[in-house]
Amino acid sequence: MVLEINPGDIIKLKKKHPCGGYEWRVVRVGADIGLKCTTCERRIMLPRSVVERRIKGFVKGG
């Protein structure tokens, strides 16, 4: 089953970012998912399969 992820959602990942933040804002959705750290504003791109494995939960819907 494909996880429903939309731009603007804030998700929590299992591992923390080096800056100490766990929460990420979804900025792009497709085969790759663009994420922006809510703590330090760093942007990353991860494959959808990796995000679906690492996601711990939704903090807020977009």
N, C-alpha and C. Protein backbone atom coordinates (compact mmCIF):
# COMPACT_ATOMS: atom_id res chain seq x y z
N MET A 1 0.84 -1.19 0.00
CA MET A 1 0.00 0.00 0.00
C MET A 1 0.88 1.25 0.00
N VAL A 2 0.53 2.22 -0.83
CA VAL A 2 1.28 3.46 -0.93
C VAL A 2 0.80 4.43 0.14
N LEU A 3 1.74 5.02 0.84
CA LEU A 3 1.43 5.99 1.89
C LEU A 3 1.04 7.32 1.25
N GLU A 4 -0.03 7.93 1.72
CA GLU A 4 -0.51 9.21 1.17
C GLU A 4 0.28 10.36 1.79
N ILE A 5 1.19 10.92 1.02
CA ILE A 5 2.02 12.04 1.46
C ILE A 5 1.75 13.21 0.52
N ASN A 6 1.45 14.37 1.06
CA ASN A 6 1.14 15.56 0.27
C ASN A 6 2.08 16.70 0.62
N PRO A 7 2.33 17.60 -0.33
CA PRO A 7 3.14 18.79 -0.03
C PRO A 7 2.52 19.59 1.11
N GLY A 8 3.34 20.06 2.01
CA GLY A 8 2.86 20.82 3.16
C GLY A 8 2.72 19.99 4.41
N ASP A 9 2.67 18.66 4.28
CA ASP A 9 2.59 17.79 5.46
C ASP A 9 3.87 17.92 6.27
N ILE A 10 3.76 17.77 7.57
CA ILE A 10 4.94 17.71 8.43
C ILE A 10 5.00 16.30 8.98
N ILE A 11 6.13 15.62 8.72
CA ILE A 11 6.29 14.23 9.14
C ILE A 11 7.43 14.11 10.13
N LYS A 12 7.39 13.05 10.92
CA LYS A 12 8.43 12.76 11.89
C LYS A 12 9.14 11.50 11.43
N LEU A 13 10.48 11.55 11.34
CA LEU A 13 11.27 10.40 10.93
C LEU A 13 11.88 9.72 12.15
N LYS A 14 12.28 8.46 11.98
CA LYS A 14 12.84 7.68 13.09
C LYS A 14 14.18 8.20 13.57
N LYS A 15 15.04 8.59 12.61
CA LYS A 15 16.37 9.09 12.98
C LYS A 15 16.36 10.62 12.99
N LYS A 16 17.12 11.20 13.89
CA LYS A 16 17.15 12.66 13.94
C LYS A 16 18.21 13.20 12.98
N HIS A 17 17.99 14.42 12.54
CA HIS A 17 18.92 15.13 11.68
C HIS A 17 20.11 15.58 12.54
N PRO A 18 21.30 15.77 11.96
CA PRO A 18 22.44 16.23 12.77
C PRO A 18 22.19 17.51 13.56
N CYS A 19 21.24 18.34 13.12
CA CYS A 19 20.94 19.57 13.86
C CYS A 19 20.10 19.28 15.10
N GLY A 20 19.55 18.07 15.20
CA GLY A 20 18.76 17.69 16.37
C GLY A 20 17.27 17.59 16.12
N GLY A 21 16.82 17.95 14.92
CA GLY A 21 15.39 17.94 14.62
C GLY A 21 14.91 16.60 14.08
N TYR A 22 13.68 16.25 14.42
CA TYR A 22 13.05 15.03 13.91
C TYR A 22 11.97 15.33 12.88
N GLU A 23 11.48 16.56 12.82
CA GLU A 23 10.34 16.91 11.99
C GLU A 23 10.76 17.52 10.66
N TRP A 24 10.08 17.10 9.59
CA TRP A 24 10.39 17.53 8.23
C TRP A 24 9.12 17.97 7.54
N ARG A 25 9.20 19.03 6.73
CA ARG A 25 8.07 19.49 5.91
C ARG A 25 8.25 18.93 4.51
N VAL A 26 7.19 18.37 3.96
CA VAL A 26 7.23 17.82 2.60
C VAL A 26 7.08 18.98 1.62
N VAL A 27 8.07 19.14 0.72
CA VAL A 27 8.04 20.24 -0.24
C VAL A 27 7.83 19.74 -1.67
N ARG A 28 8.07 18.47 -1.94
CA ARG A 28 7.91 17.93 -3.29
C ARG A 28 7.50 16.47 -3.17
N VAL A 29 6.60 16.03 -4.04
CA VAL A 29 6.15 14.64 -4.03
C VAL A 29 6.23 14.09 -5.45
N GLY A 30 6.73 12.89 -5.56
CA GLY A 30 6.85 12.20 -6.84
C GLY A 30 7.55 10.88 -6.57
N ALA A 31 8.39 10.43 -7.50
CA ALA A 31 9.19 9.23 -7.26
C ALA A 31 10.17 9.50 -6.12
N ASP A 32 10.69 10.73 -6.08
CA ASP A 32 11.51 11.19 -4.95
C ASP A 32 10.66 12.16 -4.14
N ILE A 33 10.94 12.23 -2.86
CA ILE A 33 10.20 13.15 -1.99
C ILE A 33 11.19 14.18 -1.45
N GLY A 34 10.85 15.45 -1.63
CA GLY A 34 11.67 16.54 -1.13
C GLY A 34 11.23 16.90 0.28
N LEU A 35 12.20 16.96 1.18
CA LEU A 35 11.92 17.27 2.58
C LEU A 35 12.74 18.48 3.01
N LYS A 36 12.18 19.27 3.93
CA LYS A 36 12.87 20.43 4.48
C LYS A 36 12.82 20.33 5.99
N CYS A 37 13.98 20.35 6.64
CA CYS A 37 14.05 20.25 8.10
C CYS A 37 13.38 21.48 8.71
N THR A 38 12.51 21.26 9.69
CA THR A 38 11.81 22.40 10.31
C THR A 38 12.70 23.14 11.31
N THR A 39 13.83 22.53 11.68
CA THR A 39 14.73 23.16 12.65
C THR A 39 15.78 24.05 11.96
N CYS A 40 16.48 23.50 10.95
CA CYS A 40 17.59 24.23 10.33
C CYS A 40 17.33 24.64 8.88
N GLU A 41 16.16 24.26 8.32
CA GLU A 41 15.76 24.61 6.96
C GLU A 41 16.59 23.93 5.86
N ARG A 42 17.33 22.88 6.18
CA ARG A 42 18.10 22.12 5.19
C ARG A 42 17.13 21.32 4.33
N ARG A 43 17.38 21.27 3.01
CA ARG A 43 16.52 20.52 2.09
C ARG A 43 17.24 19.27 1.62
N ILE A 44 16.49 18.16 1.56
CA ILE A 44 17.03 16.90 1.06
C ILE A 44 16.01 16.25 0.14
N MET A 45 16.49 15.33 -0.69
CA MET A 45 15.62 14.53 -1.55
C MET A 45 15.88 13.06 -1.21
N LEU A 46 14.83 12.31 -0.96
CA LEU A 46 14.93 10.88 -0.67
C LEU A 46 13.97 10.12 -1.56
N PRO A 47 14.34 8.91 -1.98
CA PRO A 47 13.38 8.08 -2.73
C PRO A 47 12.16 7.77 -1.87
N ARG A 48 11.01 7.64 -2.50
CA ARG A 48 9.75 7.38 -1.79
C ARG A 48 9.85 6.15 -0.91
N SER A 49 10.51 5.08 -1.40
CA SER A 49 10.63 3.83 -0.63
C SER A 49 11.39 4.05 0.68
N VAL A 50 12.41 4.90 0.65
CA VAL A 50 13.20 5.18 1.86
C VAL A 50 12.36 5.98 2.86
N VAL A 51 11.63 6.97 2.38
CA VAL A 51 10.79 7.79 3.27
C VAL A 51 9.72 6.91 3.93
N GLU A 52 9.10 6.01 3.15
CA GLU A 52 8.05 5.15 3.71
C GLU A 52 8.60 4.21 4.79
N ARG A 53 9.86 3.81 4.68
CA ARG A 53 10.48 2.97 5.71
C ARG A 53 10.85 3.77 6.95
N ARG A 54 11.30 4.99 6.77
CA ARG A 54 11.81 5.81 7.87
C ARG A 54 10.76 6.62 8.61
N ILE A 55 9.57 6.75 8.06
CA ILE A 55 8.56 7.61 8.67
C ILE A 55 8.05 7.01 9.97
N LYS A 56 7.95 7.85 10.98
CA LYS A 56 7.43 7.42 12.28
C LYS A 56 5.97 7.84 12.44
N GLY A 57 5.61 8.98 11.86
CA GLY A 57 4.24 9.43 11.95
C GLY A 57 4.06 10.82 11.37
N PHE A 58 2.80 11.24 11.28
CA PHE A 58 2.47 12.58 10.79
C PHE A 58 2.26 13.49 11.98
N VAL A 59 2.87 14.67 11.92
CA VAL A 59 2.69 15.66 12.97
C VAL A 59 1.51 16.55 12.62
N LYS A 60 1.46 16.98 11.34
CA LYS A 60 0.40 17.89 10.91
C LYS A 60 0.19 17.72 9.41
N GLY A 61 -1.05 17.66 9.00
CA GLY A 61 -1.37 17.56 7.58
C GLY A 61 -1.28 18.90 6.90
N GLY A 62 -0.96 18.89 5.59
CA GLY A 62 -0.83 20.12 4.83
C GLY A 62 -2.17 20.60 4.42
